[in-house]
Amino acid sequence: APRLRILLAEAIAMGPGKAELLRAIREHGSISAAARAMGMSYRRAWLLVDTMNRSFIEPLVGTATGGSRGGGARLTPLGMDVLRRYAAMEQKAQAVLQEDMDDFRRLLRPDGPLPASTEDPSA
């Protein structure tokens, strides 16, 4: 399936990995639990959330620290809206590009790439 990335300057404001992270935060209620579920370091997840929060007009993820009930994270209303819109754009892109993707796949080797050459191309 095509992978949709939305660029903002040089930063990717939204892409498949960030969308997956938002879904995991929505499901697990914390950045650390979402990171664990995705096999990602907490630092990497936090940096992705920080980039998303700085890229949009309002934060996509709200956090609460410690206390008697512990910390946590939740998608803000804008975060839910961005995730919904991103999923809709992915579905539209898939529908529009399906025939072209099928044609493109027919040009690929069915058994994968040839082995890499061991010859020095500069010789």
PDB file of N, CA and C in Angstrom:
ATOM      1  N   ALA A   1       0.847  -1.190   0.000  1.00  0.00           N
ATOM      2  CA  ALA A   1       0.000   0.000   0.000  1.00  0.00           C
ATOM      3  C   ALA A   1       0.884   1.242   0.000  1.00  0.00           C
ATOM      4  N   PRO A   2       0.461   2.288  -0.662  1.00  0.00           N
ATOM      5  CA  PRO A   2       1.236   3.533  -0.639  1.00  0.00           C
ATOM      6  C   PRO A   2       1.339   4.049   0.790  1.00  0.00           C
ATOM      7  N   ARG A   3       2.476   4.644   1.112  1.00  0.00           N
ATOM      8  CA  ARG A   3       2.680   5.216   2.449  1.00  0.00           C
ATOM      9  C   ARG A   3       2.686   6.727   2.305  1.00  0.00           C
ATOM     10  N   LEU A   4       1.753   7.360   2.936  1.00  0.00           N
ATOM     11  CA  LEU A   4       1.545   8.793   2.809  1.00  0.00           C
ATOM     12  C   LEU A   4       2.334   9.536   3.878  1.00  0.00           C
ATOM     13  N   ARG A   5       3.158  10.489   3.439  1.00  0.00           N
ATOM     14  CA  ARG A   5       3.908  11.346   4.368  1.00  0.00           C
ATOM     15  C   ARG A   5       3.574  12.795   4.047  1.00  0.00           C
ATOM     16  N   ILE A   6       3.251  13.554   5.074  1.00  0.00           N
ATOM     17  CA  ILE A   6       2.939  14.968   4.913  1.00  0.00           C
ATOM     18  C   ILE A   6       4.113  15.748   5.477  1.00  0.00           C
ATOM     19  N   LEU A   7       4.783  16.504   4.610  1.00  0.00           N
ATOM     20  CA  LEU A   7       5.992  17.228   5.002  1.00  0.00           C
ATOM     21  C   LEU A   7       5.672  18.652   5.418  1.00  0.00           C
ATOM     22  N   LEU A   8       6.387  19.113   6.432  1.00  0.00           N
ATOM     23  CA  LEU A   8       6.326  20.499   6.868  1.00  0.00           C
ATOM     24  C   LEU A   8       7.772  20.949   6.953  1.00  0.00           C
ATOM     25  N   ALA A   9       8.186  21.786   6.012  1.00  0.00           N
ATOM     26  CA  ALA A   9       9.604  22.132   5.868  1.00  0.00           C
ATOM     27  C   ALA A   9      10.364  20.820   5.695  1.00  0.00           C
ATOM     28  N   GLU A  10      11.405  20.564   6.498  1.00  0.00           N
ATOM     29  CA  GLU A  10      12.129  19.303   6.372  1.00  0.00           C
ATOM     30  C   GLU A  10      11.574  18.207   7.281  1.00  0.00           C
ATOM     31  N   ALA A  11      10.743  18.583   8.224  1.00  0.00           N
ATOM     32  CA  ALA A  11      10.201  17.599   9.166  1.00  0.00           C
ATOM     33  C   ALA A  11       8.961  16.937   8.574  1.00  0.00           C
ATOM     34  N   ILE A  12       8.811  15.659   8.858  1.00  0.00           N
ATOM     35  CA  ILE A  12       7.585  14.969   8.466  1.00  0.00           C
ATOM     36  C   ILE A  12       6.569  15.232   9.567  1.00  0.00           C
ATOM     37  N   ALA A  13       5.574  16.043   9.256  1.00  0.00           N
ATOM     38  CA  ALA A  13       4.559  16.383  10.248  1.00  0.00           C
ATOM     39  C   ALA A  13       3.683  15.175  10.557  1.00  0.00           C
ATOM     40  N   MET A  14       3.430  14.356   9.536  1.00  0.00           N
ATOM     41  CA  MET A  14       2.611  13.165   9.755  1.00  0.00           C
ATOM     42  C   MET A  14       2.989  12.118   8.724  1.00  0.00           C
ATOM     43  N   GLY A  15       3.151  10.904   9.186  1.00  0.00           N
ATOM     44  CA  GLY A  15       3.453   9.775   8.321  1.00  0.00           C
ATOM     45  C   GLY A  15       2.954   8.511   8.985  1.00  0.00           C
ATOM     46  N   PRO A  16       3.196   7.365   8.362  1.00  0.00           N
ATOM     47  CA  PRO A  16       2.652   6.118   8.901  1.00  0.00           C
ATOM     48  C   PRO A  16       3.125   5.796  10.314  1.00  0.00           C
ATOM     49  N   GLY A  17       4.391   6.061  10.615  1.00  0.00           N
ATOM     50  CA  GLY A  17       4.904   5.769  11.956  1.00  0.00           C
ATOM     51  C   GLY A  17       4.279   6.650  13.018  1.00  0.00           C
ATOM     52  N   LYS A  18       4.124   7.926  12.706  1.00  0.00           N
ATOM     53  CA  LYS A  18       3.511   8.846  13.673  1.00  0.00           C
ATOM     54  C   LYS A  18       2.033   8.524  13.856  1.00  0.00           C
ATOM     55  N   ALA A  19       1.358   8.156  12.769  1.00  0.00           N
ATOM     56  CA  ALA A  19      -0.051   7.774  12.889  1.00  0.00           C
ATOM     57  C   ALA A  19      -0.185   6.529  13.768  1.00  0.00           C
ATOM     58  N   GLU A  20       0.715   5.563  13.568  1.00  0.00           N
ATOM     59  CA  GLU A  20       0.690   4.355  14.398  1.00  0.00           C
ATOM     60  C   GLU A  20       0.944   4.702  15.865  1.00  0.00           C
ATOM     61  N   LEU A  21       1.869   5.630  16.115  1.00  0.00           N
ATOM     62  CA  LEU A  21       2.150   6.055  17.488  1.00  0.00           C
ATOM     63  C   LEU A  21       0.923   6.728  18.103  1.00  0.00           C
ATOM     64  N   LEU A  22       0.249   7.589  17.361  1.00  0.00           N
ATOM     65  CA  LEU A  22      -0.970   8.221  17.883  1.00  0.00           C
ATOM     66  C   LEU A  22      -2.019   7.163  18.226  1.00  0.00           C
ATOM     67  N   ARG A  23      -2.189   6.172  17.354  1.00  0.00           N
ATOM     68  CA  ARG A  23      -3.154   5.102  17.633  1.00  0.00           C
ATOM     69  C   ARG A  23      -2.769   4.346  18.909  1.00  0.00           C
ATOM     70  N   ALA A  24      -1.469   4.084  19.073  1.00  0.00           N
ATOM     71  CA  ALA A  24      -1.007   3.353  20.258  1.00  0.00           C
ATOM     72  C   ALA A  24      -1.204   4.182  21.529  1.00  0.00           C
ATOM     73  N   ILE A  25      -0.969   5.484  21.455  1.00  0.00           N
ATOM     74  CA  ILE A  25      -1.204   6.357  22.619  1.00  0.00           C
ATOM     75  C   ILE A  25      -2.687   6.362  22.965  1.00  0.00           C
ATOM     76  N   ARG A  26      -3.531   6.440  21.941  1.00  0.00           N
ATOM     77  CA  ARG A  26      -4.979   6.407  22.170  1.00  0.00           C
ATOM     78  C   ARG A  26      -5.370   5.102  22.858  1.00  0.00           C
ATOM     79  N   GLU A  27      -4.775   4.005  22.426  1.00  0.00           N
ATOM     80  CA  GLU A  27      -5.127   2.698  22.971  1.00  0.00           C
ATOM     81  C   GLU A  27      -4.567   2.469  24.370  1.00  0.00           C
ATOM     82  N   HIS A  28      -3.315   2.870  24.608  1.00  0.00           N
ATOM     83  CA  HIS A  28      -2.630   2.525  25.858  1.00  0.00           C
ATOM     84  C   HIS A  28      -2.654   3.622  26.917  1.00  0.00           C
ATOM     85  N   GLY A  29      -2.919   4.864  26.524  1.00  0.00           N
ATOM     86  CA  GLY A  29      -3.044   5.936  27.507  1.00  0.00           C
ATOM     87  C   GLY A  29      -1.744   6.504  28.027  1.00  0.00           C
ATOM     88  N   SER A  30      -0.623   6.119  27.430  1.00  0.00           N
ATOM     89  CA  SER A  30       0.650   6.723  27.816  1.00  0.00           C
ATOM     90  C   SER A  30       1.646   6.575  26.674  1.00  0.00           C
ATOM     91  N   ILE A  31       2.608   7.490  26.652  1.00  0.00           N
ATOM     92  CA  ILE A  31       3.646   7.438  25.622  1.00  0.00           C
ATOM     93  C   ILE A  31       4.539   6.226  25.859  1.00  0.00           C
ATOM     94  N   SER A  32       4.884   5.951  27.126  1.00  0.00           N
ATOM     95  CA  SER A  32       5.782   4.824  27.405  1.00  0.00           C
ATOM     96  C   SER A  32       5.130   3.493  27.047  1.00  0.00           C
ATOM     97  N   ALA A  33       3.855   3.314  27.374  1.00  0.00           N
ATOM     98  CA  ALA A  33       3.169   2.062  27.031  1.00  0.00           C
ATOM     99  C   ALA A  33       3.015   1.930  25.519  1.00  0.00           C
ATOM    100  N   ALA A  34       2.742   3.039  24.847  1.00  0.00           N
ATOM    101  CA  ALA A  34       2.638   3.016  23.384  1.00  0.00           C
ATOM    102  C   ALA A  34       3.976   2.635  22.768  1.00  0.00           C
ATOM    103  N   ALA A  35       5.056   3.215  23.290  1.00  0.00           N
ATOM    104  CA  ALA A  35       6.397   2.906  22.776  1.00  0.00           C
ATOM    105  C   ALA A  35       6.715   1.427  22.975  1.00  0.00           C
ATOM    106  N   ARG A  36       6.430   0.901  24.163  1.00  0.00           N
ATOM    107  CA  ARG A  36       6.680  -0.523  24.429  1.00  0.00           C
ATOM    108  C   ARG A  36       5.896  -1.399  23.459  1.00  0.00           C
ATOM    109  N   ALA A  37       4.634  -1.069  23.239  1.00  0.00           N
ATOM    110  CA  ALA A  37       3.789  -1.863  22.342  1.00  0.00           C
ATOM    111  C   ALA A  37       4.321  -1.853  20.912  1.00  0.00           C
ATOM    112  N   MET A  38       5.000  -0.770  20.540  1.00  0.00           N
ATOM    113  CA  MET A  38       5.532  -0.640  19.181  1.00  0.00           C
ATOM    114  C   MET A  38       6.982  -1.106  19.075  1.00  0.00           C
ATOM    115  N   GLY A  39       7.602  -1.484  20.197  1.00  0.00           N
ATOM    116  CA  GLY A  39       9.004  -1.872  20.175  1.00  0.00           C
ATOM    117  C   GLY A  39       9.929  -0.694  19.912  1.00  0.00           C
ATOM    118  N   MET A  40       9.548   0.461  20.429  1.00  0.00           N
ATOM    119  CA  MET A  40      10.277   1.711  20.208  1.00  0.00           C
ATOM    120  C   MET A  40      10.764   2.231  21.556  1.00  0.00           C
ATOM    121  N   SER A  41      11.877   2.938  21.568  1.00  0.00           N
ATOM    122  CA  SER A  41      12.346   3.522  22.820  1.00  0.00           C
ATOM    123  C   SER A  41      11.410   4.661  23.239  1.00  0.00           C
ATOM    124  N   TYR A  42      11.331   4.875  24.554  1.00  0.00           N
ATOM    125  CA  TYR A  42      10.513   5.981  25.050  1.00  0.00           C
ATOM    126  C   TYR A  42      11.022   7.301  24.486  1.00  0.00           C
ATOM    127  N   ARG A  43      12.340   7.468  24.444  1.00  0.00           N
ATOM    128  CA  ARG A  43      12.914   8.718  23.930  1.00  0.00           C
ATOM    129  C   ARG A  43      12.475   8.975  22.491  1.00  0.00           C
ATOM    130  N   ARG A  44      12.543   7.949  21.648  1.00  0.00           N
ATOM    131  CA  ARG A  44      12.133   8.105  20.241  1.00  0.00           C
ATOM    132  C   ARG A  44      10.653   8.492  20.165  1.00  0.00           C
ATOM    133  N   ALA A  45       9.817   7.817  20.935  1.00  0.00           N
ATOM    134  CA  ALA A  45       8.386   8.121  20.933  1.00  0.00           C
ATOM    135  C   ALA A  45       8.143   9.550  21.405  1.00  0.00           C
ATOM    136  N   TRP A  46       8.834   9.946  22.470  1.00  0.00           N
ATOM    137  CA  TRP A  46       8.657  11.297  23.001  1.00  0.00           C
ATOM    138  C   TRP A  46       9.079  12.336  21.965  1.00  0.00           C
ATOM    139  N   LEU A  47      10.196  12.091  21.273  1.00  0.00           N
ATOM    140  CA  LEU A  47      10.653  13.036  20.242  1.00  0.00           C
ATOM    141  C   LEU A  47       9.650  13.138  19.097  1.00  0.00           C
ATOM    142  N   LEU A  48       9.051  12.021  18.704  1.00  0.00           N
ATOM    143  CA  LEU A  48       8.033  12.052  17.646  1.00  0.00           C
ATOM    144  C   LEU A  48       6.807  12.843  18.093  1.00  0.00           C
ATOM    145  N   VAL A  49       6.370  12.609  19.331  1.00  0.00           N
ATOM    146  CA  VAL A  49       5.229  13.364  19.869  1.00  0.00           C
ATOM    147  C   VAL A  49       5.564  14.850  19.918  1.00  0.00           C
ATOM    148  N   ASP A  50       6.766  15.178  20.372  1.00  0.00           N
ATOM    149  CA  ASP A  50       7.182  16.580  20.449  1.00  0.00           C
ATOM    150  C   ASP A  50       7.170  17.231  19.067  1.00  0.00           C
ATOM    151  N   THR A  51       7.679  16.526  18.056  1.00  0.00           N
ATOM    152  CA  THR A  51       7.663  17.063  16.689  1.00  0.00           C
ATOM    153  C   THR A  51       6.237  17.299  16.220  1.00  0.00           C
ATOM    154  N   MET A  52       5.352  16.325  16.453  1.00  0.00           N
ATOM    155  CA  MET A  52       3.955  16.504  16.043  1.00  0.00           C
ATOM    156  C   MET A  52       3.322  17.677  16.777  1.00  0.00           C
ATOM    157  N   ASN A  53       3.540  17.758  18.089  1.00  0.00           N
ATOM    158  CA  ASN A  53       2.933  18.839  18.866  1.00  0.00           C
ATOM    159  C   ASN A  53       3.415  20.210  18.407  1.00  0.00           C
ATOM    160  N   ARG A  54       4.667  20.295  17.958  1.00  0.00           N
ATOM    161  CA  ARG A  54       5.201  21.574  17.489  1.00  0.00           C
ATOM    162  C   ARG A  54       4.827  21.877  16.041  1.00  0.00           C
ATOM    163  N   SER A  55       4.392  20.858  15.282  1.00  0.00           N
ATOM    164  CA  SER A  55       4.103  21.037  13.861  1.00  0.00           C
ATOM    165  C   SER A  55       2.683  21.523  13.586  1.00  0.00           C
ATOM    166  N   PHE A  56       1.773  21.294  14.501  1.00  0.00           N
ATOM    167  CA  PHE A  56       0.373  21.645  14.280  1.00  0.00           C
ATOM    168  C   PHE A  56      -0.006  22.875  15.104  1.00  0.00           C
ATOM    169  N   ILE A  57      -1.154  23.460  14.780  1.00  0.00           N
ATOM    170  CA  ILE A  57      -1.581  24.707  15.431  1.00  0.00           C
ATOM    171  C   ILE A  57      -1.839  24.523  16.924  1.00  0.00           C
ATOM    172  N   GLU A  58      -2.124  23.307  17.332  1.00  0.00           N
ATOM    173  CA  GLU A  58      -2.298  22.945  18.740  1.00  0.00           C
ATOM    174  C   GLU A  58      -1.664  21.573  18.929  1.00  0.00           C
ATOM    175  N   PRO A  59      -1.316  21.211  20.160  1.00  0.00           N
ATOM    176  CA  PRO A  59      -0.747  19.876  20.387  1.00  0.00           C
ATOM    177  C   PRO A  59      -1.721  18.765  19.987  1.00  0.00           C
ATOM    178  N   LEU A  60      -1.168  17.659  19.510  1.00  0.00           N
ATOM    179  CA  LEU A  60      -1.972  16.482  19.175  1.00  0.00           C
ATOM    180  C   LEU A  60      -2.076  15.533  20.360  1.00  0.00           C
ATOM    181  N   VAL A  61      -1.092  15.622  21.267  1.00  0.00           N
ATOM    182  CA  VAL A  61      -1.046  14.748  22.440  1.00  0.00           C
ATOM    183  C   VAL A  61      -0.906  15.613  23.678  1.00  0.00           C
ATOM    184  N   GLY A  62      -1.776  15.377  24.652  1.00  0.00           N
ATOM    185  CA  GLY A  62      -1.682  16.046  25.943  1.00  0.00           C
ATOM    186  C   GLY A  62      -1.123  15.066  26.956  1.00  0.00           C
ATOM    187  N   THR A  63      -0.307  15.566  27.876  1.00  0.00           N
ATOM    188  CA  THR A  63       0.294  14.683  28.878  1.00  0.00           C
ATOM    189  C   THR A  63      -0.004  15.194  30.282  1.00  0.00           C
ATOM    190  N   ALA A  64      -0.025  14.263  31.220  1.00  0.00           N
ATOM    191  CA  ALA A  64      -0.152  14.583  32.645  1.00  0.00           C
ATOM    192  C   ALA A  64       1.001  13.887  33.344  1.00  0.00           C
ATOM    193  N   THR A  65       1.604  14.551  34.318  1.00  0.00           N
ATOM    194  CA  THR A  65       2.754  13.966  35.005  1.00  0.00           C
ATOM    195  C   THR A  65       2.353  13.424  36.360  1.00  0.00           C
ATOM    196  N   GLY A  66       2.969  12.310  36.728  1.00  0.00           N
ATOM    197  CA  GLY A  66       2.903  11.695  38.053  1.00  0.00           C
ATOM    198  C   GLY A  66       1.627  11.851  38.833  1.00  0.00           C
ATOM    199  N   GLY A  67       1.790  12.128  40.134  1.00  0.00           N
ATOM    200  CA  GLY A  67       0.644  12.272  41.028  1.00  0.00           C
ATOM    201  C   GLY A  67       0.152  10.919  41.512  1.00  0.00           C
ATOM    202  N   SER A  68      -0.907  10.930  42.317  1.00  0.00           N
ATOM    203  CA  SER A  68      -1.415   9.689  42.903  1.00  0.00           C
ATOM    204  C   SER A  68      -1.994   8.751  41.847  1.00  0.00           C
ATOM    205  N   ARG A  69      -2.496   9.299  40.754  1.00  0.00           N
ATOM    206  CA  ARG A  69      -3.081   8.467  39.697  1.00  0.00           C
ATOM    207  C   ARG A  69      -2.066   8.155  38.606  1.00  0.00           C
ATOM    208  N   GLY A  70      -0.837   8.617  38.770  1.00  0.00           N
ATOM    209  CA  GLY A  70       0.189   8.368  37.758  1.00  0.00           C
ATOM    210  C   GLY A  70       0.047   9.331  36.600  1.00  0.00           C
ATOM    211  N   GLY A  71       0.997   9.272  35.693  1.00  0.00           N
ATOM    212  CA  GLY A  71       0.961  10.140  34.521  1.00  0.00           C
ATOM    213  C   GLY A  71       0.139   9.504  33.425  1.00  0.00           C
ATOM    214  N   GLY A  72       0.255  10.077  32.268  1.00  0.00           N
ATOM    215  CA  GLY A  72      -0.471   9.519  31.141  1.00  0.00           C
ATOM    216  C   GLY A  72      -0.434  10.461  29.965  1.00  0.00           C
ATOM    217  N   ALA A  73      -0.986  10.000  28.881  1.00  0.00           N
ATOM    218  CA  ALA A  73      -1.076  10.807  27.669  1.00  0.00           C
ATOM    219  C   ALA A  73      -2.391  10.479  26.985  1.00  0.00           C
ATOM    220  N   ARG A  74      -2.921  11.463  26.311  1.00  0.00           N
ATOM    221  CA  ARG A  74      -4.168  11.262  25.569  1.00  0.00           C
ATOM    222  C   ARG A  74      -4.111  12.109  24.319  1.00  0.00           C
ATOM    223  N   LEU A  75      -4.847  11.670  23.311  1.00  0.00           N
ATOM    224  CA  LEU A  75      -4.958  12.494  22.115  1.00  0.00           C
ATOM    225  C   LEU A  75      -5.898  13.643  22.416  1.00  0.00           C
ATOM    226  N   THR A  76      -5.511  14.825  21.988  1.00  0.00           N
ATOM    227  CA  THR A  76      -6.379  15.990  22.115  1.00  0.00           C
ATOM    228  C   THR A  76      -7.459  15.889  21.036  1.00  0.00           C
ATOM    229  N   PRO A  77      -8.495  16.726  21.106  1.00  0.00           N
ATOM    230  CA  PRO A  77      -9.476  16.724  20.020  1.00  0.00           C
ATOM    231  C   PRO A  77      -8.812  16.925  18.647  1.00  0.00           C
ATOM    232  N   LEU A  78      -7.804  17.812  18.579  1.00  0.00           N
ATOM    233  CA  LEU A  78      -7.106  17.997  17.301  1.00  0.00           C
ATOM    234  C   LEU A  78      -6.346  16.728  16.925  1.00  0.00           C
ATOM    235  N   GLY A  79      -5.737  16.053  17.894  1.00  0.00           N
ATOM    236  CA  GLY A  79      -5.036  14.802  17.619  1.00  0.00           C
ATOM    237  C   GLY A  79      -5.966  13.751  17.038  1.00  0.00           C
ATOM    238  N   MET A  80      -7.160  13.633  17.600  1.00  0.00           N
ATOM    239  CA  MET A  80      -8.153  12.689  17.074  1.00  0.00           C
ATOM    240  C   MET A  80      -8.552  13.077  15.649  1.00  0.00           C
ATOM    241  N   ASP A  81      -8.742  14.378  15.421  1.00  0.00           N
ATOM    242  CA  ASP A  81      -9.137  14.862  14.098  1.00  0.00           C
ATOM    243  C   ASP A  81      -8.036  14.619  13.069  1.00  0.00           C
ATOM    244  N   VAL A  82      -6.791  14.924  13.432  1.00  0.00           N
ATOM    245  CA  VAL A  82      -5.660  14.709  12.517  1.00  0.00           C
ATOM    246  C   VAL A  82      -5.539  13.227  12.184  1.00  0.00           C
ATOM    247  N   LEU A  83      -5.658  12.358  13.175  1.00  0.00           N
ATOM    248  CA  LEU A  83      -5.561  10.921  12.937  1.00  0.00           C
ATOM    249  C   LEU A  83      -6.679  10.450  12.005  1.00  0.00           C
ATOM    250  N   ARG A  84      -7.886  10.939  12.223  1.00  0.00           N
ATOM    251  CA  ARG A  84      -9.023  10.573  11.365  1.00  0.00           C
ATOM    252  C   ARG A  84      -8.790  11.044   9.935  1.00  0.00           C
ATOM    253  N   ARG A  85      -8.357  12.300   9.780  1.00  0.00           N
ATOM    254  CA  ARG A  85      -8.122  12.847   8.439  1.00  0.00           C
ATOM    255  C   ARG A  85      -6.982  12.125   7.733  1.00  0.00           C
ATOM    256  N   TYR A  86      -5.924  11.807   8.469  1.00  0.00           N
ATOM    257  CA  TYR A  86      -4.788  11.100   7.875  1.00  0.00           C
ATOM    258  C   TYR A  86      -5.238   9.726   7.365  1.00  0.00           C
ATOM    259  N   ALA A  87      -6.008   9.003   8.169  1.00  0.00           N
ATOM    260  CA  ALA A  87      -6.505   7.685   7.762  1.00  0.00           C
ATOM    261  C   ALA A  87      -7.380   7.802   6.514  1.00  0.00           C
ATOM    262  N   ALA A  88      -8.208   8.841   6.451  1.00  0.00           N
ATOM    263  CA  ALA A  88      -9.062   9.047   5.275  1.00  0.00           C
ATOM    264  C   ALA A  88      -8.216   9.334   4.034  1.00  0.00           C
ATOM    265  N   MET A  89      -7.157  10.147   4.187  1.00  0.00           N
ATOM    266  CA  MET A  89      -6.280  10.440   3.048  1.00  0.00           C
ATOM    267  C   MET A  89      -5.552   9.180   2.587  1.00  0.00           C
ATOM    268  N   GLU A  90      -5.124   8.348   3.533  1.00  0.00           N
ATOM    269  CA  GLU A  90      -4.466   7.086   3.162  1.00  0.00           C
ATOM    270  C   GLU A  90      -5.410   6.201   2.354  1.00  0.00           C
ATOM    271  N   GLN A  91      -6.660   6.109   2.790  1.00  0.00           N
ATOM    272  CA  GLN A  91      -7.638   5.286   2.073  1.00  0.00           C
ATOM    273  C   GLN A  91      -7.883   5.828   0.671  1.00  0.00           C
ATOM    274  N   LYS A  92      -8.000   7.153   0.544  1.00  0.00           N
ATOM    275  CA  LYS A  92      -8.206   7.751  -0.777  1.00  0.00           C
ATOM    276  C   LYS A  92      -7.004   7.506  -1.679  1.00  0.00           C
ATOM    277  N   ALA A  93      -5.801   7.676  -1.140  1.00  0.00           N
ATOM    278  CA  ALA A  93      -4.586   7.450  -1.928  1.00  0.00           C
ATOM    279  C   ALA A  93      -4.531   5.997  -2.392  1.00  0.00           C
ATOM    280  N   GLN A  94      -4.854   5.072  -1.512  1.00  0.00           N
ATOM    281  CA  GLN A  94      -4.855   3.651  -1.869  1.00  0.00           C
ATOM    282  C   GLN A  94      -5.833   3.387  -3.009  1.00  0.00           C
ATOM    283  N   ALA A  95      -7.039   3.935  -2.904  1.00  0.00           N
ATOM    284  CA  ALA A  95      -8.053   3.702  -3.930  1.00  0.00           C
ATOM    285  C   ALA A  95      -7.629   4.281  -5.279  1.00  0.00           C
ATOM    286  N   VAL A  96      -7.076   5.486  -5.263  1.00  0.00           N
ATOM    287  CA  VAL A  96      -6.693   6.161  -6.502  1.00  0.00           C
ATOM    288  C   VAL A  96      -5.492   5.475  -7.157  1.00  0.00           C
ATOM    289  N   LEU A  97      -4.551   5.020  -6.348  1.00  0.00           N
ATOM    290  CA  LEU A  97      -3.296   4.488  -6.878  1.00  0.00           C
ATOM    291  C   LEU A  97      -3.294   2.978  -7.090  1.00  0.00           C
ATOM    292  N   GLN A  98      -4.348   2.272  -6.705  1.00  0.00           N
ATOM    293  CA  GLN A  98      -4.322   0.807  -6.732  1.00  0.00           C
ATOM    294  C   GLN A  98      -3.950   0.252  -8.104  1.00  0.00           C
ATOM    295  N   GLU A  99      -4.586   0.720  -9.163  1.00  0.00           N
ATOM    296  CA  GLU A  99      -4.302   0.200 -10.505  1.00  0.00           C
ATOM    297  C   GLU A  99      -2.854   0.485 -10.907  1.00  0.00           C
ATOM    298  N   ASP A 100      -2.392   1.715 -10.646  1.00  0.00           N
ATOM    299  CA  ASP A 100      -1.003   2.055 -10.964  1.00  0.00           C
ATOM    300  C   ASP A 100      -0.028   1.209 -10.148  1.00  0.00           C
ATOM    301  N   MET A 101      -0.341   0.973  -8.871  1.00  0.00           N
ATOM    302  CA  MET A 101       0.530   0.153  -8.031  1.00  0.00           C
ATOM    303  C   MET A 101       0.587  -1.283  -8.558  1.00  0.00           C
ATOM    304  N   ASP A 102      -0.559  -1.807  -8.993  1.00  0.00           N
ATOM    305  CA  ASP A 102      -0.579  -3.159  -9.563  1.00  0.00           C
ATOM    306  C   ASP A 102       0.293  -3.223 -10.812  1.00  0.00           C
ATOM    307  N   ASP A 103       0.184  -2.210 -11.687  1.00  0.00           N
ATOM    308  CA  ASP A 103       1.016  -2.154 -12.895  1.00  0.00           C
ATOM    309  C   ASP A 103       2.491  -2.081 -12.525  1.00  0.00           C
ATOM    310  N   PHE A 104       2.823  -1.271 -11.544  1.00  0.00           N
ATOM    311  CA  PHE A 104       4.208  -1.107 -11.112  1.00  0.00           C
ATOM    312  C   PHE A 104       4.760  -2.420 -10.553  1.00  0.00           C
ATOM    313  N   ARG A 105       3.959  -3.105  -9.735  1.00  0.00           N
ATOM    314  CA  ARG A 105       4.406  -4.375  -9.144  1.00  0.00           C
ATOM    315  C   ARG A 105       4.721  -5.418 -10.213  1.00  0.00           C
ATOM    316  N   ARG A 106       3.996  -5.375 -11.336  1.00  0.00           N
ATOM    317  CA  ARG A 106       4.252  -6.328 -12.418  1.00  0.00           C
ATOM    318  C   ARG A 106       5.634  -6.126 -13.036  1.00  0.00           C
ATOM    319  N   LEU A 107       6.246  -4.964 -12.835  1.00  0.00           N
ATOM    320  CA  LEU A 107       7.576  -4.681 -13.373  1.00  0.00           C
ATOM    321  C   LEU A 107       8.696  -5.173 -12.451  1.00  0.00           C
ATOM    322  N   LEU A 108       8.354  -5.532 -11.232  1.00  0.00           N
ATOM    323  CA  LEU A 108       9.351  -6.002 -10.266  1.00  0.00           C
ATOM    324  C   LEU A 108       9.648  -7.485 -10.474  1.00  0.00           C
ATOM    325  N   ARG A 109      10.850  -7.896 -10.119  1.00  0.00           N
ATOM    326  CA  ARG A 109      11.219  -9.313 -10.188  1.00  0.00           C
ATOM    327  C   ARG A 109      10.372 -10.080  -9.166  1.00  0.00           C
ATOM    328  N   PRO A 110       9.734 -11.168  -9.583  1.00  0.00           N
ATOM    329  CA  PRO A 110       8.862 -11.901  -8.656  1.00  0.00           C
ATOM    330  C   PRO A 110       9.624 -12.570  -7.513  1.00  0.00           C
ATOM    331  N   ASP A 111      10.916 -12.871  -7.739  1.00  0.00           N
ATOM    332  CA  ASP A 111      11.696 -13.557  -6.713  1.00  0.00           C
ATOM    333  C   ASP A 111      12.621 -12.607  -5.957  1.00  0.00           C
ATOM    334  N   GLY A 112      12.389 -11.311  -6.045  1.00  0.00           N
ATOM    335  CA  GLY A 112      13.191 -10.328  -5.320  1.00  0.00           C
ATOM    336  C   GLY A 112      14.379  -9.849  -6.127  1.00  0.00           C
ATOM    337  N   PRO A 113      15.169  -8.935  -5.557  1.00  0.00           N
ATOM    338  CA  PRO A 113      16.296  -8.359  -6.298  1.00  0.00           C
ATOM    339  C   PRO A 113      17.393  -9.387  -6.553  1.00  0.00           C
ATOM    340  N   LEU A 114      18.155  -9.145  -7.612  1.00  0.00           N
ATOM    341  CA  LEU A 114      19.332  -9.961  -7.902  1.00  0.00           C
ATOM    342  C   LEU A 114      20.370  -9.745  -6.810  1.00  0.00           C
ATOM    343  N   PRO A 115      21.273 -10.704  -6.619  1.00  0.00           N
ATOM    344  CA  PRO A 115      22.344 -10.504  -5.632  1.00  0.00           C
ATOM    345  C   PRO A 115      23.184  -9.285  -5.997  1.00  0.00           C
ATOM    346  N   ALA A 116      23.707  -8.626  -4.992  1.00  0.00           N
ATOM    347  CA  ALA A 116      24.549  -7.452  -5.216  1.00  0.00           C
ATOM    348  C   ALA A 116      25.824  -7.873  -5.933  1.00  0.00           C
ATOM    349  N   SER A 117      26.305  -7.005  -6.791  1.00  0.00           N
ATOM    350  CA  SER A 117      27.541  -7.265  -7.522  1.00  0.00           C
ATOM    351  C   SER A 117      28.726  -7.108  -6.584  1.00  0.00           C
ATOM    352  N   THR A 118      29.702  -7.985  -6.747  1.00  0.00           N
ATOM    353  CA  THR A 118      30.921  -7.874  -5.941  1.00  0.00           C
ATOM    354  C   THR A 118      32.033  -7.186  -6.716  1.00  0.00           C
ATOM    355  N   GLU A 119      31.752  -6.855  -7.987  1.00  0.00           N
ATOM    356  CA  GLU A 119      32.757  -6.176  -8.805  1.00  0.00           C
ATOM    357  C   GLU A 119      32.813  -4.703  -8.448  1.00  0.00           C
ATOM    358  N   ASP A 120      34.006  -4.137  -8.508  1.00  0.00           N
ATOM    359  CA  ASP A 120      34.205  -2.710  -8.257  1.00  0.00           C
ATOM    360  C   ASP A 120      33.781  -1.950  -9.507  1.00  0.00           C
ATOM    361  N   PRO A 121      32.740  -1.113  -9.432  1.00  0.00           N
ATOM    362  CA  PRO A 121      32.268  -0.406 -10.630  1.00  0.00           C
ATOM    363  C   PRO A 121      33.276   0.611 -11.164  1.00  0.00           C
ATOM    364  N   SER A 122      34.257   1.005 -10.363  1.00  0.00           N
ATOM    365  CA  SER A 122      35.229   1.999 -10.832  1.00  0.00           C
ATOM    366  C   SER A 122      36.408   1.347 -11.551  1.00  0.00           C
ATOM    367  N   ALA A 123      36.480   0.000 -11.545  1.00  0.00           N
ATOM    368  CA  ALA A 123      37.626  -0.693 -12.174  1.00  0.00           C
ATOM    369  C   ALA A 123      37.500  -0.743 -13.679  1.00  0.00           C
TER     370      ALA A 123
END
